[in-house]
Amino acid sequence: MPGFATSAPEVTNVSRHGFWLLLGDEELLVRFADFPWFRQATIDALTQVERPSPDHLYWPQLDLDLSVRSIRSPADFPLVSRAPLHDAGGGN
């Protein structure tokens, strides 16, 4: 089964606000405010990005998957955790 025709994704710039990701002829800003799990990543981990399908990005060193649509419209994909809250003081 043949894959889709695209060039490999490329990180073109990193700043304290986020990083620019080139996907074919489209360049998108991945803001750390919208995608906080990238904030502490190394440059090497950020730049090792794969695109298994047109809407799927994968960072193997971070074991992180992301939809291209979520980068284009982060407000449509709010960060909501269903994990239970734990007492920071070590209590119940």
N, C-alpha and C. Protein backbone atom coordinates (compact mmCIF):
# COMPACT_ATOMS: atom_id res chain seq x y z
N MET A 1 0.85 -1.18 0.00
CA MET A 1 0.00 0.00 0.00
C MET A 1 0.89 1.24 0.00
N PRO A 2 0.82 2.08 -1.02
CA PRO A 2 1.68 3.26 -1.08
C PRO A 2 1.26 4.30 -0.05
N GLY A 3 2.24 5.06 0.43
CA GLY A 3 1.98 6.13 1.40
C GLY A 3 1.59 7.41 0.69
N PHE A 4 1.39 8.44 1.46
CA PHE A 4 1.07 9.74 0.89
C PHE A 4 2.36 10.47 0.57
N ALA A 5 2.30 11.38 -0.39
CA ALA A 5 3.50 12.08 -0.84
C ALA A 5 3.65 13.41 -0.10
N THR A 6 4.61 13.47 0.82
CA THR A 6 4.95 14.72 1.49
C THR A 6 6.43 14.70 1.82
N SER A 7 6.98 15.88 2.07
CA SER A 7 8.35 15.92 2.54
C SER A 7 8.33 15.74 4.05
N ALA A 8 9.46 15.36 4.60
CA ALA A 8 9.55 15.13 6.04
C ALA A 8 9.32 16.44 6.79
N PRO A 9 8.67 16.39 7.95
CA PRO A 9 8.50 17.60 8.75
C PRO A 9 9.86 18.10 9.23
N GLU A 10 9.96 19.41 9.41
CA GLU A 10 11.23 20.01 9.81
C GLU A 10 10.98 21.13 10.81
N VAL A 11 11.71 21.12 11.91
CA VAL A 11 11.68 22.23 12.87
C VAL A 11 12.65 23.27 12.33
N THR A 12 12.13 24.49 12.07
CA THR A 12 12.96 25.52 11.45
C THR A 12 13.47 26.57 12.42
N ASN A 13 12.83 26.69 13.59
CA ASN A 13 13.26 27.69 14.56
C ASN A 13 12.67 27.33 15.92
N VAL A 14 13.42 27.65 16.98
CA VAL A 14 12.94 27.44 18.35
C VAL A 14 13.17 28.73 19.12
N SER A 15 12.15 29.16 19.86
CA SER A 15 12.28 30.35 20.71
C SER A 15 11.72 30.02 22.09
N ARG A 16 11.73 30.98 22.97
CA ARG A 16 11.18 30.74 24.30
C ARG A 16 9.67 30.61 24.28
N HIS A 17 9.04 30.98 23.17
CA HIS A 17 7.58 30.92 23.04
C HIS A 17 7.09 29.63 22.37
N GLY A 18 7.97 28.94 21.63
CA GLY A 18 7.56 27.74 20.94
C GLY A 18 8.54 27.41 19.83
N PHE A 19 8.08 26.59 18.89
CA PHE A 19 8.94 26.26 17.76
C PHE A 19 8.11 26.23 16.48
N TRP A 20 8.80 26.52 15.37
CA TRP A 20 8.19 26.54 14.04
C TRP A 20 8.40 25.20 13.38
N LEU A 21 7.32 24.66 12.84
CA LEU A 21 7.34 23.35 12.21
C LEU A 21 6.93 23.50 10.76
N LEU A 22 7.82 23.10 9.85
CA LEU A 22 7.54 23.16 8.42
C LEU A 22 6.96 21.82 7.97
N LEU A 23 5.74 21.89 7.43
CA LEU A 23 5.05 20.70 6.92
C LEU A 23 4.74 20.96 5.45
N GLY A 24 5.60 20.47 4.57
CA GLY A 24 5.44 20.75 3.14
C GLY A 24 5.64 22.23 2.89
N ASP A 25 4.60 22.90 2.38
CA ASP A 25 4.70 24.35 2.12
C ASP A 25 4.01 25.17 3.21
N GLU A 26 3.67 24.54 4.33
CA GLU A 26 2.99 25.22 5.44
C GLU A 26 3.92 25.25 6.65
N GLU A 27 4.05 26.43 7.27
CA GLU A 27 4.86 26.55 8.48
C GLU A 27 3.94 26.93 9.63
N LEU A 28 3.99 26.13 10.70
CA LEU A 28 3.10 26.32 11.84
C LEU A 28 3.90 26.59 13.11
N LEU A 29 3.38 27.47 13.95
CA LEU A 29 3.98 27.73 15.26
C LEU A 29 3.36 26.79 16.28
N VAL A 30 4.19 26.01 16.94
CA VAL A 30 3.75 25.14 18.04
C VAL A 30 4.10 25.90 19.31
N ARG A 31 3.10 26.57 19.88
CA ARG A 31 3.32 27.42 21.06
C ARG A 31 3.40 26.57 22.32
N PHE A 32 4.40 26.86 23.16
CA PHE A 32 4.53 26.14 24.42
C PHE A 32 3.33 26.39 25.32
N ALA A 33 2.69 27.54 25.21
CA ALA A 33 1.49 27.81 26.00
C ALA A 33 0.36 26.84 25.63
N ASP A 34 0.29 26.45 24.38
CA ASP A 34 -0.74 25.52 23.92
C ASP A 34 -0.32 24.05 24.05
N PHE A 35 0.99 23.79 23.97
CA PHE A 35 1.52 22.42 24.00
C PHE A 35 2.67 22.37 25.02
N PRO A 36 2.34 22.45 26.32
CA PRO A 36 3.37 22.60 27.36
C PRO A 36 4.34 21.43 27.49
N TRP A 37 3.98 20.24 27.03
CA TRP A 37 4.88 19.10 27.17
C TRP A 37 6.14 19.24 26.33
N PHE A 38 6.17 20.18 25.38
CA PHE A 38 7.38 20.43 24.59
C PHE A 38 8.35 21.40 25.27
N ARG A 39 7.88 22.14 26.27
CA ARG A 39 8.65 23.23 26.88
C ARG A 39 10.02 22.77 27.39
N GLN A 40 10.12 21.62 28.02
CA GLN A 40 11.38 21.14 28.58
C GLN A 40 12.13 20.19 27.66
N ALA A 41 11.63 19.97 26.46
CA ALA A 41 12.28 19.05 25.52
C ALA A 41 13.58 19.64 25.00
N THR A 42 14.53 18.77 24.71
CA THR A 42 15.78 19.21 24.11
C THR A 42 15.55 19.55 22.63
N ILE A 43 16.47 20.29 22.06
CA ILE A 43 16.40 20.61 20.63
C ILE A 43 16.43 19.31 19.83
N ASP A 44 17.28 18.38 20.24
CA ASP A 44 17.37 17.10 19.54
C ASP A 44 16.03 16.38 19.55
N ALA A 45 15.35 16.35 20.69
CA ALA A 45 14.05 15.67 20.79
C ALA A 45 13.00 16.38 19.95
N LEU A 46 13.02 17.72 19.92
CA LEU A 46 12.05 18.48 19.12
C LEU A 46 12.23 18.23 17.63
N THR A 47 13.47 18.13 17.20
CA THR A 47 13.74 18.03 15.76
C THR A 47 13.57 16.61 15.22
N GLN A 48 13.47 15.63 16.08
CA GLN A 48 13.25 14.24 15.65
C GLN A 48 11.75 13.99 15.55
N VAL A 49 11.14 14.53 14.51
CA VAL A 49 9.69 14.42 14.33
C VAL A 49 9.39 13.63 13.06
N GLU A 50 8.39 12.78 13.14
CA GLU A 50 7.97 11.96 12.01
C GLU A 50 6.52 12.31 11.67
N ARG A 51 6.15 12.03 10.43
CA ARG A 51 4.77 12.27 9.97
C ARG A 51 4.23 11.00 9.33
N PRO A 52 3.69 10.08 10.16
CA PRO A 52 3.21 8.81 9.63
C PRO A 52 2.01 8.93 8.69
N SER A 53 1.22 10.00 8.85
CA SER A 53 0.08 10.25 7.97
C SER A 53 -0.14 11.76 7.89
N PRO A 54 -0.95 12.24 6.97
CA PRO A 54 -1.10 13.69 6.78
C PRO A 54 -1.51 14.46 8.04
N ASP A 55 -2.27 13.86 8.95
CA ASP A 55 -2.69 14.59 10.15
C ASP A 55 -2.03 14.07 11.43
N HIS A 56 -1.00 13.25 11.30
CA HIS A 56 -0.38 12.62 12.47
C HIS A 56 1.10 12.93 12.52
N LEU A 57 1.53 13.54 13.63
CA LEU A 57 2.94 13.79 13.88
C LEU A 57 3.36 12.97 15.10
N TYR A 58 4.60 12.51 15.08
CA TYR A 58 5.10 11.69 16.19
C TYR A 58 6.53 12.08 16.51
N TRP A 59 6.80 12.32 17.80
CA TRP A 59 8.12 12.61 18.31
C TRP A 59 8.58 11.39 19.10
N PRO A 60 9.41 10.51 18.50
CA PRO A 60 9.79 9.25 19.14
C PRO A 60 10.55 9.43 20.46
N GLN A 61 11.43 10.42 20.55
CA GLN A 61 12.19 10.60 21.79
C GLN A 61 11.30 11.06 22.93
N LEU A 62 10.18 11.69 22.61
CA LEU A 62 9.24 12.16 23.63
C LEU A 62 8.05 11.22 23.79
N ASP A 63 7.94 10.23 22.89
CA ASP A 63 6.79 9.33 22.81
C ASP A 63 5.50 10.14 22.81
N LEU A 64 5.45 11.11 21.90
CA LEU A 64 4.34 12.05 21.85
C LEU A 64 3.73 12.07 20.45
N ASP A 65 2.42 11.91 20.39
CA ASP A 65 1.66 11.98 19.14
C ASP A 65 0.84 13.25 19.16
N LEU A 66 0.68 13.87 17.99
CA LEU A 66 -0.07 15.12 17.90
C LEU A 66 -0.75 15.20 16.54
N SER A 67 -1.96 15.70 16.55
CA SER A 67 -2.69 15.93 15.32
C SER A 67 -2.26 17.28 14.73
N VAL A 68 -2.05 17.32 13.43
CA VAL A 68 -1.73 18.58 12.76
C VAL A 68 -2.88 19.57 12.96
N ARG A 69 -4.10 19.07 12.96
CA ARG A 69 -5.27 19.94 13.18
C ARG A 69 -5.19 20.64 14.53
N SER A 70 -4.63 19.99 15.54
CA SER A 70 -4.54 20.61 16.86
C SER A 70 -3.54 21.76 16.87
N ILE A 71 -2.54 21.71 16.00
CA ILE A 71 -1.59 22.82 15.89
C ILE A 71 -2.24 23.99 15.16
N ARG A 72 -2.96 23.68 14.10
CA ARG A 72 -3.64 24.73 13.33
C ARG A 72 -4.71 25.43 14.16
N SER A 73 -5.43 24.69 14.99
CA SER A 73 -6.55 25.24 15.78
C SER A 73 -6.50 24.72 17.21
N PRO A 74 -5.54 25.16 18.01
CA PRO A 74 -5.41 24.63 19.36
C PRO A 74 -6.64 24.87 20.23
N ALA A 75 -7.41 25.91 19.97
CA ALA A 75 -8.61 26.17 20.76
C ALA A 75 -9.67 25.08 20.58
N ASP A 76 -9.61 24.37 19.46
CA ASP A 76 -10.55 23.28 19.21
C ASP A 76 -10.17 22.00 19.96
N PHE A 77 -8.97 22.00 20.57
CA PHE A 77 -8.46 20.83 21.27
C PHE A 77 -7.96 21.25 22.65
N PRO A 78 -8.87 21.62 23.56
CA PRO A 78 -8.43 22.11 24.88
C PRO A 78 -7.72 21.01 25.67
N LEU A 79 -6.74 21.44 26.46
CA LEU A 79 -6.01 20.51 27.31
C LEU A 79 -6.85 20.26 28.56
N VAL A 80 -7.43 19.10 28.65
CA VAL A 80 -8.28 18.75 29.77
C VAL A 80 -7.83 17.39 30.30
N SER A 81 -7.53 17.33 31.58
CA SER A 81 -7.11 16.08 32.17
C SER A 81 -8.26 15.46 32.95
N ARG A 82 -8.39 14.14 32.83
CA ARG A 82 -9.38 13.42 33.61
C ARG A 82 -8.72 12.73 34.81
N ALA A 83 -7.44 12.99 35.01
CA ALA A 83 -6.72 12.39 36.13
C ALA A 83 -7.22 13.00 37.44
N PRO A 84 -7.32 12.19 38.49
CA PRO A 84 -7.78 12.72 39.76
C PRO A 84 -6.76 13.69 40.36
N LEU A 85 -7.26 14.68 41.05
CA LEU A 85 -6.38 15.65 41.72
C LEU A 85 -5.80 15.00 42.96
N HIS A 86 -4.52 15.25 43.22
CA HIS A 86 -3.85 14.73 44.41
C HIS A 86 -3.43 15.89 45.27
N ASP A 87 -3.47 15.70 46.55
CA ASP A 87 -3.04 16.72 47.50
C ASP A 87 -1.53 16.89 47.39
N ALA A 88 -1.07 18.13 47.12
CA ALA A 88 0.36 18.39 46.95
C ALA A 88 1.15 18.15 48.22
N GLY A 89 0.47 18.18 49.38
CA GLY A 89 1.16 17.98 50.65
C GLY A 89 1.35 16.53 51.00
N GLY A 90 0.94 15.62 50.14
CA GLY A 90 1.13 14.20 50.38
C GLY A 90 -0.01 13.56 51.15
N GLY A 91 -1.09 14.31 51.34
CA GLY A 91 -2.25 13.77 52.05
C GLY A 91 -3.13 12.95 51.15
N ASN A 92 -4.38 12.83 51.49
CA ASN A 92 -5.33 12.01 50.75
C ASN A 92 -5.37 12.45 49.34
